[in-house]
Amino acid sequence: MHQNKSEYILAFSHSNYLLKCTGTEKAMREIAFQFQKNNIHYIQVFSFYNSYLSSKTSTYLGINIDDQFYGIVEWKNLQGVLNDIERKRNIKLNSIQIHHLLHHKLEKVEEFLKQVNVPIYFFVHDYYTVCKSITLIDSNGKNCGASFPCEKKCSNCSYYPAASVVLNSMLKFMDNLLIKIKRVIVPSENVKKNWGKLYPQYIEKIIVRPHLCLEGVYQRSPIINRNIRIGFAGAQLKTKGYDTWKRLCETILKNGSPYDLFYFGTGSEKLDNVNNISVNVLKGSNSMVEALREKEIDILLLWNPWLETYSYVYYEACQAGCFIITNKQSGNIYEETSFYNNGIILDGETALFNTVKDESTLRNIIQKYQENPTYSPEKSYPNTDISAFYEPLLEAHNEKNSVCIGYRNIVLTLIYLIKFKLRKGK
């Protein structure tokens, strides 16, 4: 499929995927690349959330065109700016993707969507459509499970008052757009099951499309006459299990257990006696896999305390032949580890600390796994199939005769360019 470059995709999300390296942004970068590879423009509209603008924040949006920052615009000028882009580039809107609605005014998004007559594809990257706490973790650190907020369940959660307001708006938004949304794209069967139960009216529209395709078998070096190497990879966030990782490191050091500890990522916190390996996926999609392989990590701790919808890190760890340690609340990590039998699933931190305390038993488990790994793909590549959310335009592009034209906010655009050291696209 190589269309002439007369079409574009308009994608709404909550953050600039050129700057962040977390899962949603990585997925968007890969999707944008596939469209551009097929000569289709990709225009991202992200919520310009900035504390300096306080209440005015939601009235501004950022725009990227084909991985180039374009500028900051006011919501009221969005259609005019798009009209100007269409006119200058002679392109026509093919479809709209909704990747995330955090920090967006839902009524503004709905009003915009109802004015366009193109397919709309809704992507589920986390559970913001279920609760304002996108990881379904309450203010007390408790996993709420995949269910809507309610007074009975959430009476002790400080998030509940705001969450109930957001939920009411979200339910109305999803109901009002049921006819216009053509498909819902989810990254795993786990999400289809959880999200589909809460939005049964969309169940027939859900398509499971994993972010990655994996193949081959990676042969790693076994543990021979050295300490077991345990690692933690990714963001230093409680929702990624980082607090548990810190407590595990403290326990290992306190007990004098013979382990070598490694952190992989861009986090700023440096723990005592932990080897810090800088890994930035913005500099290469395989950088995490390469780092884990180079350091021959035996175990990767994926102690995510919420229902992860996908987890790139899980699949990166598998490609390095890592043995996974996770818990029963980790969503897709739990499901995949159970399915492939490539790790152990524990009930809580006490079980984790006891498992690591018994080094000889754990070493035997790791050695047996490394001799006969059940899931260790040699390589991965982004899913190139975009058929679930793309159909070529049937009619020819027609020039608009009378349209309103909007413009970028020059001051905010320049401030943004300087702050993030970006180049302005044309």
Protein backbone atom coordinates (compact mmCIF):
# COMPACT_ATOMS: atom_id res chain seq x y z
CA MET A 1 0.00 0.00 0.00
CA HIS A 2 1.64 3.23 -1.16
CA GLN A 3 -0.93 5.97 -1.57
CA ASN A 4 -0.02 9.33 -3.01
CA LYS A 5 0.41 11.77 -0.17
CA SER A 6 -3.00 13.42 -0.39
CA GLU A 7 -4.51 12.02 2.81
CA TYR A 8 -3.86 12.58 6.48
CA ILE A 9 -4.78 11.00 9.80
CA LEU A 10 -5.75 13.27 12.70
CA ALA A 11 -4.80 11.79 16.08
CA PHE A 12 -5.88 13.19 19.46
CA SER A 13 -3.87 12.40 22.59
CA HIS A 14 -2.77 13.86 25.90
CA SER A 15 0.97 14.39 25.36
CA ASN A 16 3.57 15.10 22.70
CA TYR A 17 4.81 11.71 21.49
CA LEU A 18 8.01 13.34 20.23
CA LEU A 19 9.10 14.04 23.81
CA LYS A 20 7.88 11.17 25.99
CA CYS A 21 9.09 7.58 25.90
CA THR A 22 6.27 5.82 27.78
CA GLY A 23 3.97 3.19 26.27
CA THR A 24 1.19 5.30 24.75
CA GLU A 25 3.65 7.66 23.09
CA LYS A 26 5.80 4.80 21.81
CA ALA A 27 2.74 3.13 20.28
CA MET A 28 1.75 6.39 18.60
CA ARG A 29 5.24 6.94 17.18
CA GLU A 30 5.18 3.48 15.66
CA ILE A 31 1.71 3.98 14.17
CA ALA A 32 2.70 7.40 12.80
CA PHE A 33 5.76 5.83 11.18
CA GLN A 34 3.65 3.18 9.44
CA PHE A 35 1.37 5.81 7.95
CA GLN A 36 4.24 8.00 6.80
CA LYS A 37 5.97 4.97 5.30
CA ASN A 38 2.81 4.49 3.24
CA ASN A 39 2.80 8.15 2.15
CA ILE A 40 -0.02 9.23 4.45
CA HIS A 41 0.42 12.31 6.62
CA TYR A 42 0.00 11.96 10.38
CA ILE A 43 -1.12 15.01 12.36
CA GLN A 44 -1.13 14.74 16.14
CA VAL A 45 -3.19 17.08 18.32
CA PHE A 46 -2.20 16.92 21.98
CA SER A 47 -3.53 18.71 25.04
CA PHE A 48 -1.23 21.56 25.99
CA TYR A 49 -1.19 21.04 29.75
CA ASN A 50 0.99 23.63 31.47
CA SER A 51 0.84 24.76 35.10
CA TYR A 52 1.76 28.32 34.14
CA LEU A 53 -1.48 28.65 32.20
CA SER A 54 -3.60 27.16 35.03
CA SER A 55 -7.28 27.29 34.07
CA LYS A 56 -6.51 28.35 30.51
CA THR A 57 -4.64 25.12 29.83
CA SER A 58 -7.46 23.16 28.26
CA THR A 59 -8.12 25.91 25.71
CA TYR A 60 -4.78 25.28 23.99
CA LEU A 61 -3.52 22.40 21.89
CA GLY A 62 -0.17 21.36 20.46
CA ILE A 63 0.19 20.10 16.89
CA ASN A 64 2.78 17.83 15.29
CA ILE A 65 2.82 17.09 11.57
CA ASP A 66 4.76 14.04 10.39
CA ASP A 67 6.97 14.00 13.50
CA GLN A 68 7.67 17.73 13.28
CA PHE A 69 6.38 20.19 15.86
CA TYR A 70 4.01 22.64 14.15
CA GLY A 71 2.82 24.93 16.93
CA ILE A 72 0.44 25.78 19.76
CA VAL A 73 -3.13 26.75 18.83
CA GLU A 74 -6.30 27.67 20.66
CA TRP A 75 -9.13 25.15 20.60
CA LYS A 76 -11.40 27.65 18.86
CA ASN A 77 -8.85 27.93 16.02
CA LEU A 78 -8.21 24.19 15.54
CA GLN A 79 -10.53 23.70 12.57
CA GLY A 80 -9.21 26.86 10.94
CA VAL A 81 -5.60 25.73 11.39
CA LEU A 82 -6.43 22.33 9.90
CA ASN A 83 -8.17 24.05 6.99
CA ASP A 84 -5.02 26.08 6.38
CA ILE A 85 -2.83 22.97 6.53
CA GLU A 86 -5.16 21.13 4.11
CA ARG A 87 -5.18 24.04 1.67
CA LYS A 88 -1.41 24.57 1.67
CA ARG A 89 -0.53 20.88 1.42
CA ASN A 90 -3.49 19.86 -0.75
CA ILE A 91 -4.45 17.03 1.60
CA LYS A 92 -7.74 15.66 2.85
CA LEU A 93 -8.73 14.14 6.18
CA ASN A 94 -8.99 10.35 5.99
CA SER A 95 -9.95 9.47 9.57
CA ILE A 96 -9.57 10.42 13.22
CA GLN A 97 -7.81 8.48 15.96
CA ILE A 98 -8.49 9.11 19.64
CA HIS A 99 -5.56 7.82 21.68
CA HIS A 100 -6.10 9.64 24.96
CA LEU A 101 -8.46 12.27 26.37
CA LEU A 102 -6.62 13.28 29.53
CA HIS A 103 -6.62 17.11 29.98
CA HIS A 104 -9.04 17.50 27.06
CA LYS A 105 -12.45 19.14 27.43
CA LEU A 106 -14.70 16.29 26.34
CA GLU A 107 -17.47 18.60 25.18
CA LYS A 108 -15.02 20.38 22.85
CA VAL A 109 -13.75 17.09 21.44
CA GLU A 110 -17.29 15.81 20.95
CA GLU A 111 -18.38 19.01 19.23
CA PHE A 112 -15.40 18.78 16.87
CA LEU A 113 -15.98 15.09 16.09
CA LYS A 114 -19.65 15.63 15.28
CA GLN A 115 -18.72 18.20 12.65
CA VAL A 116 -16.59 15.81 10.59
CA ASN A 117 -17.82 12.96 8.47
CA VAL A 118 -14.93 10.50 8.60
CA PRO A 119 -14.35 7.20 10.46
CA ILE A 120 -13.28 7.54 14.10
CA TYR A 121 -11.04 4.93 15.74
CA PHE A 122 -10.82 4.83 19.53
CA PHE A 123 -7.64 3.40 21.13
CA VAL A 124 -7.51 2.07 24.69
CA HIS A 125 -4.00 2.49 26.16
CA ASP A 126 -5.04 2.60 29.83
CA TYR A 127 -8.21 2.94 31.89
CA TYR A 128 -8.90 6.68 31.74
CA THR A 129 -12.30 5.85 30.23
CA VAL A 130 -13.05 3.97 33.46
CA CYS A 131 -11.61 6.26 36.14
CA LYS A 132 -9.67 9.49 36.47
CA SER A 133 -7.02 7.32 38.13
CA ILE A 134 -5.90 5.78 34.85
CA THR A 135 -4.15 2.86 36.56
CA LEU A 136 -7.17 2.01 38.73
CA ILE A 137 -5.11 2.59 41.89
CA ASP A 138 -6.94 4.55 44.59
CA SER A 139 -5.51 7.31 46.80
CA ASN A 140 -4.55 4.69 49.41
CA GLY A 141 -2.48 2.72 46.91
CA LYS A 142 -5.05 -0.06 46.59
CA ASN A 143 -5.81 -1.78 43.29
CA CYS A 144 -9.48 -1.04 42.56
CA GLY A 145 -9.98 -3.66 39.87
CA ALA A 146 -11.63 -3.15 36.50
CA SER A 147 -14.89 -1.50 37.56
CA PHE A 148 -16.38 1.97 37.47
CA PRO A 149 -16.03 4.25 40.52
CA CYS A 150 -19.00 4.23 42.87
CA GLU A 151 -19.67 5.53 46.36
CA LYS A 152 -19.69 2.07 47.93
CA LYS A 153 -16.32 1.09 46.49
CA CYS A 154 -14.64 4.49 46.60
CA SER A 155 -15.84 6.03 49.88
CA ASN A 156 -12.30 6.06 51.30
CA CYS A 157 -10.63 7.32 48.13
CA SER A 158 -9.84 11.03 47.86
CA TYR A 159 -9.95 10.76 44.06
CA TYR A 160 -13.63 9.83 44.06
CA PRO A 161 -15.33 13.27 43.95
CA ALA A 162 -13.34 14.34 40.88
CA ALA A 163 -13.42 10.83 39.39
CA SER A 164 -17.22 10.68 39.52
CA VAL A 165 -17.47 13.98 37.63
CA VAL A 166 -15.03 12.80 34.95
CA LEU A 167 -16.81 9.44 34.68
CA ASN A 168 -20.22 11.03 34.11
CA SER A 169 -18.75 13.14 31.31
CA MET A 170 -16.93 10.14 29.86
CA LEU A 171 -20.00 7.88 29.84
CA LYS A 172 -21.99 10.59 28.10
CA PHE A 173 -19.16 11.12 25.60
CA MET A 174 -18.89 7.41 24.76
CA ASP A 175 -22.67 7.00 24.44
CA ASN A 176 -23.01 10.05 22.19
CA LEU A 177 -20.25 8.82 19.87
CA LEU A 178 -21.30 5.17 19.69
CA ILE A 179 -22.55 5.51 16.12
CA LYS A 180 -19.58 7.57 14.91
CA ILE A 181 -16.80 5.41 16.41
CA LYS A 182 -16.10 2.68 13.88
CA ARG A 183 -13.71 0.51 15.89
CA VAL A 184 -12.07 0.31 19.30
CA ILE A 185 -8.43 -0.77 19.13
CA VAL A 186 -6.93 -2.54 22.16
CA PRO A 187 -3.41 -4.01 22.56
CA SER A 188 -4.29 -7.27 24.33
CA GLU A 189 -7.01 -9.80 25.04
CA ASN A 190 -6.79 -8.77 28.69
CA VAL A 191 -7.97 -5.26 27.81
CA LYS A 192 -10.72 -6.57 25.55
CA LYS A 193 -12.05 -8.64 28.44
CA ASN A 194 -11.87 -5.89 31.07
CA TRP A 195 -12.92 -2.91 28.95
CA GLY A 196 -15.56 -4.84 27.05
CA LYS A 197 -17.38 -5.73 30.27
CA LEU A 198 -17.64 -2.04 31.15
CA TYR A 199 -18.60 -0.83 27.68
CA PRO A 200 -20.68 -3.75 26.34
CA GLN A 201 -22.24 -1.51 23.67
CA TYR A 202 -18.79 -1.45 22.01
CA ILE A 203 -17.95 -5.15 22.33
CA GLU A 204 -18.59 -5.91 18.65
CA LYS A 205 -16.33 -3.03 17.62
CA ILE A 206 -13.27 -4.12 19.62
CA ILE A 207 -10.21 -5.25 17.64
CA VAL A 208 -7.15 -6.69 19.40
CA ARG A 209 -3.97 -5.39 17.77
CA PRO A 210 -0.70 -5.99 19.67
CA HIS A 211 1.90 -3.26 19.36
CA LEU A 212 4.69 -5.71 18.51
CA CYS A 213 5.30 -8.75 16.34
CA LEU A 214 7.85 -11.21 17.75
CA GLU A 215 9.67 -14.10 16.11
CA GLY A 216 12.62 -16.47 16.40
CA VAL A 217 14.34 -17.85 19.49
CA TYR A 218 17.08 -16.03 21.37
CA GLN A 219 19.83 -18.16 22.91
CA ARG A 220 21.34 -16.46 25.93
CA SER A 221 24.32 -17.28 28.11
CA PRO A 222 23.45 -19.28 31.26
CA ILE A 223 24.50 -18.45 34.81
CA ILE A 224 27.96 -19.91 35.34
CA ASN A 225 30.07 -19.06 38.38
CA ARG A 226 28.56 -15.63 38.94
CA ASN A 227 25.87 -13.88 40.95
CA ILE A 228 22.27 -13.84 39.77
CA ARG A 229 21.56 -10.52 38.07
CA ILE A 230 18.23 -8.90 38.89
CA GLY A 231 17.01 -5.84 37.04
CA PHE A 232 14.29 -3.21 36.98
CA ALA A 233 13.55 -1.38 33.74
CA GLY A 234 11.58 1.72 32.82
CA ALA A 235 10.03 4.64 34.62
CA GLN A 236 10.72 5.13 38.32
CA LEU A 237 7.03 5.18 39.18
CA LYS A 238 4.98 3.47 41.86
CA THR A 239 2.60 2.28 39.13
CA LYS A 240 5.52 0.45 37.53
CA GLY A 241 6.51 -1.24 40.79
CA TYR A 242 9.48 1.02 41.51
CA ASP A 243 8.68 1.35 45.24
CA THR A 244 8.74 -2.43 45.54
CA TRP A 245 12.03 -2.50 43.63
CA LYS A 246 13.58 -0.10 46.15
CA ARG A 247 12.39 -2.22 49.07
CA LEU A 248 13.69 -5.35 47.36
CA CYS A 249 17.12 -3.75 46.91
CA GLU A 250 17.17 -2.72 50.58
CA THR A 251 16.23 -6.26 51.64
CA ILE A 252 18.91 -7.84 49.45
CA LEU A 253 21.61 -5.49 50.74
CA LYS A 254 20.50 -5.93 54.35
CA ASN A 255 20.64 -9.72 54.08
CA GLY A 256 23.92 -9.67 52.20
CA SER A 257 22.42 -11.86 49.48
CA PRO A 258 24.69 -12.61 46.49
CA TYR A 259 22.85 -10.70 43.76
CA ASP A 260 23.95 -8.06 41.29
CA LEU A 261 21.34 -5.32 40.89
CA PHE A 262 20.69 -3.21 37.78
CA TYR A 263 18.40 -0.33 36.85
CA PHE A 264 17.70 0.39 33.15
CA GLY A 265 16.08 3.64 32.08
CA THR A 266 16.25 7.41 32.32
CA GLY A 267 15.22 7.80 35.97
CA SER A 268 17.21 10.29 38.03
CA GLU A 269 17.23 8.43 41.37
CA LYS A 270 20.40 6.44 42.03
CA LEU A 271 20.18 3.64 44.59
CA ASP A 272 23.15 2.40 46.58
CA ASN A 273 24.85 -0.67 45.12
CA VAL A 274 22.61 -0.65 42.03
CA ASN A 275 24.22 -0.42 38.60
CA ASN A 276 22.50 2.35 36.64
CA ILE A 277 22.32 1.78 32.90
CA SER A 278 21.00 4.72 30.88
CA VAL A 279 18.46 3.57 28.29
CA ASN A 280 16.32 5.96 26.25
CA VAL A 281 13.97 4.30 23.76
CA LEU A 282 13.67 7.61 21.89
CA LYS A 283 17.20 6.90 20.67
CA GLY A 284 16.34 3.44 19.39
CA SER A 285 13.37 1.11 19.71
CA ASN A 286 15.63 -1.88 20.54
CA SER A 287 17.83 -0.05 23.01
CA MET A 288 16.27 -1.74 26.07
CA VAL A 289 16.61 -5.23 24.61
CA GLU A 290 20.23 -4.57 23.69
CA ALA A 291 21.03 -3.29 27.19
CA LEU A 292 19.37 -6.25 28.95
CA ARG A 293 21.22 -8.67 26.69
CA GLU A 294 24.56 -6.95 27.12
CA LYS A 295 24.33 -7.13 30.91
CA GLU A 296 22.96 -10.70 30.77
CA ILE A 297 20.11 -9.96 33.16
CA ASP A 298 18.68 -13.18 34.58
CA ILE A 299 15.56 -11.83 36.30
CA LEU A 300 13.50 -8.75 35.55
CA LEU A 301 11.13 -7.53 38.22
CA LEU A 302 7.83 -6.40 36.70
CA TRP A 303 5.89 -5.66 39.86
CA ASN A 304 3.28 -3.39 38.28
CA PRO A 305 0.44 -3.10 40.83
CA TRP A 306 -2.27 -2.40 38.25
CA LEU A 307 -3.91 -4.01 35.23
CA GLU A 308 -1.26 -3.19 32.63
CA THR A 309 -2.84 -3.06 29.20
CA TYR A 310 0.29 -4.20 27.34
CA SER A 311 3.81 -3.50 28.76
CA TYR A 312 6.56 -3.08 26.19
CA VAL A 313 9.09 -3.87 28.92
CA TYR A 314 7.66 -7.37 29.36
CA TYR A 315 8.33 -8.24 25.72
CA GLU A 316 11.73 -6.55 25.79
CA ALA A 317 12.65 -8.67 28.82
CA CYS A 318 11.51 -11.82 27.03
CA GLN A 319 13.74 -10.99 24.07
CA ALA A 320 16.70 -10.86 26.44
CA GLY A 321 15.83 -14.27 27.87
CA CYS A 322 14.93 -12.80 31.25
CA PHE A 323 12.92 -14.76 33.78
CA ILE A 324 9.96 -12.66 34.94
CA ILE A 325 8.87 -12.06 38.52
CA THR A 326 5.46 -10.41 38.75
CA ASN A 327 2.24 -10.37 40.77
CA LYS A 328 -1.38 -11.33 40.16
CA GLN A 329 -2.52 -7.72 39.69
CA SER A 330 -0.24 -6.83 36.78
CA GLY A 331 -2.80 -7.29 34.00
CA ASN A 332 -1.31 -8.31 30.67
CA ILE A 333 2.04 -9.08 32.33
CA TYR A 334 0.30 -11.62 34.55
CA GLU A 335 -1.69 -13.06 31.63
CA GLU A 336 1.35 -13.45 29.36
CA THR A 337 3.62 -14.83 32.09
CA SER A 338 0.93 -17.38 32.93
CA PHE A 339 0.45 -18.31 29.27
CA TYR A 340 4.14 -18.67 28.38
CA ASN A 341 5.24 -19.99 31.79
CA ASN A 342 8.35 -17.80 31.66
CA GLY A 343 8.33 -16.55 35.22
CA ILE A 344 6.79 -16.80 38.65
CA ILE A 345 3.67 -15.02 39.87
CA LEU A 346 3.59 -14.12 43.55
CA ASP A 347 0.86 -12.91 45.92
CA GLY A 348 2.67 -10.00 47.55
CA GLU A 349 5.93 -8.42 48.64
CA THR A 350 6.47 -10.85 51.50
CA ALA A 351 6.42 -13.74 49.04
CA LEU A 352 8.78 -11.78 46.78
CA PHE A 353 11.30 -11.13 49.55
CA ASN A 354 11.16 -14.76 50.71
CA THR A 355 11.69 -15.99 47.15
CA VAL A 356 14.78 -13.86 46.69
CA LYS A 357 16.06 -14.73 50.17
CA ASP A 358 16.29 -18.40 49.13
CA GLU A 359 19.04 -17.83 46.57
CA SER A 360 19.91 -21.49 45.95
CA THR A 361 16.33 -22.48 45.09
CA LEU A 362 15.91 -19.43 42.86
CA ARG A 363 19.22 -20.19 41.13
CA ASN A 364 18.03 -23.71 40.30
CA ILE A 365 14.78 -22.33 38.86
CA ILE A 366 16.67 -19.81 36.72
CA GLN A 367 19.19 -22.37 35.48
CA LYS A 368 16.44 -24.77 34.42
CA TYR A 369 14.61 -21.98 32.61
CA GLN A 370 17.75 -20.83 30.80
CA GLU A 371 18.41 -24.40 29.66
CA ASN A 372 14.92 -24.65 28.19
CA PRO A 373 13.32 -21.20 27.83
CA THR A 374 9.59 -21.25 27.12
CA TYR A 375 9.39 -17.77 25.60
CA SER A 376 12.48 -15.96 24.37
CA PRO A 377 11.89 -14.34 20.96
CA GLU A 378 14.99 -13.38 19.02
CA LYS A 379 13.60 -10.13 17.67
CA SER A 380 10.58 -7.90 17.52
CA TYR A 381 9.32 -5.24 15.20
CA PRO A 382 6.41 -2.81 15.36
CA ASN A 383 3.13 -4.14 14.08
CA THR A 384 2.96 -2.93 10.48
CA ASP A 385 -0.70 -3.85 9.96
CA ILE A 386 -2.82 -0.67 9.94
CA SER A 387 -5.85 -2.23 8.26
CA ALA A 388 -7.83 -2.19 11.52
CA PHE A 389 -7.86 1.62 11.47
CA TYR A 390 -7.30 2.68 7.88
CA GLU A 391 -9.24 2.51 4.63
CA PRO A 392 -8.21 4.54 1.56
CA LEU A 393 -10.44 7.42 0.57
CA LEU A 394 -12.69 6.48 -2.32
CA GLU A 395 -13.46 9.95 -3.60
CA ALA A 396 -10.91 12.32 -5.06
CA HIS A 397 -9.68 15.27 -3.03
CA ASN A 398 -11.72 18.40 -3.60
CA GLU A 399 -10.41 21.87 -2.84
CA LYS A 400 -12.50 23.73 -0.27
CA ASN A 401 -13.82 27.00 -1.65
CA SER A 402 -14.86 28.89 1.46
CA VAL A 403 -13.31 27.94 4.77
CA CYS A 404 -12.20 29.73 7.90
CA ILE A 405 -8.46 29.94 8.48
CA GLY A 406 -6.81 29.75 11.90
CA TYR A 407 -3.29 30.55 13.06
CA ARG A 408 -0.74 29.36 15.59
CA ASN A 409 -0.21 31.23 18.84
CA ILE A 410 3.19 32.73 18.08
CA VAL A 411 4.27 33.41 21.68
CA LEU A 412 3.36 29.99 23.09
CA THR A 413 4.81 28.25 20.04
CA LEU A 414 8.17 30.00 20.46
CA ILE A 415 8.26 29.29 24.20
CA TYR A 416 7.54 25.61 23.54
CA LEU A 417 10.22 25.42 20.84
CA ILE A 418 12.83 26.95 23.13
CA LYS A 419 11.90 24.91 26.19
CA PHE A 420 12.04 21.54 24.44
CA LYS A 421 14.71 22.46 21.86
CA LEU A 422 12.48 21.58 18.93
CA ARG A 423 12.50 22.75 15.36
CA LYS A 424 9.32 24.25 14.01
CA GLY A 425 7.78 22.40 11.09
CA LYS A 426 6.39 24.23 8.11
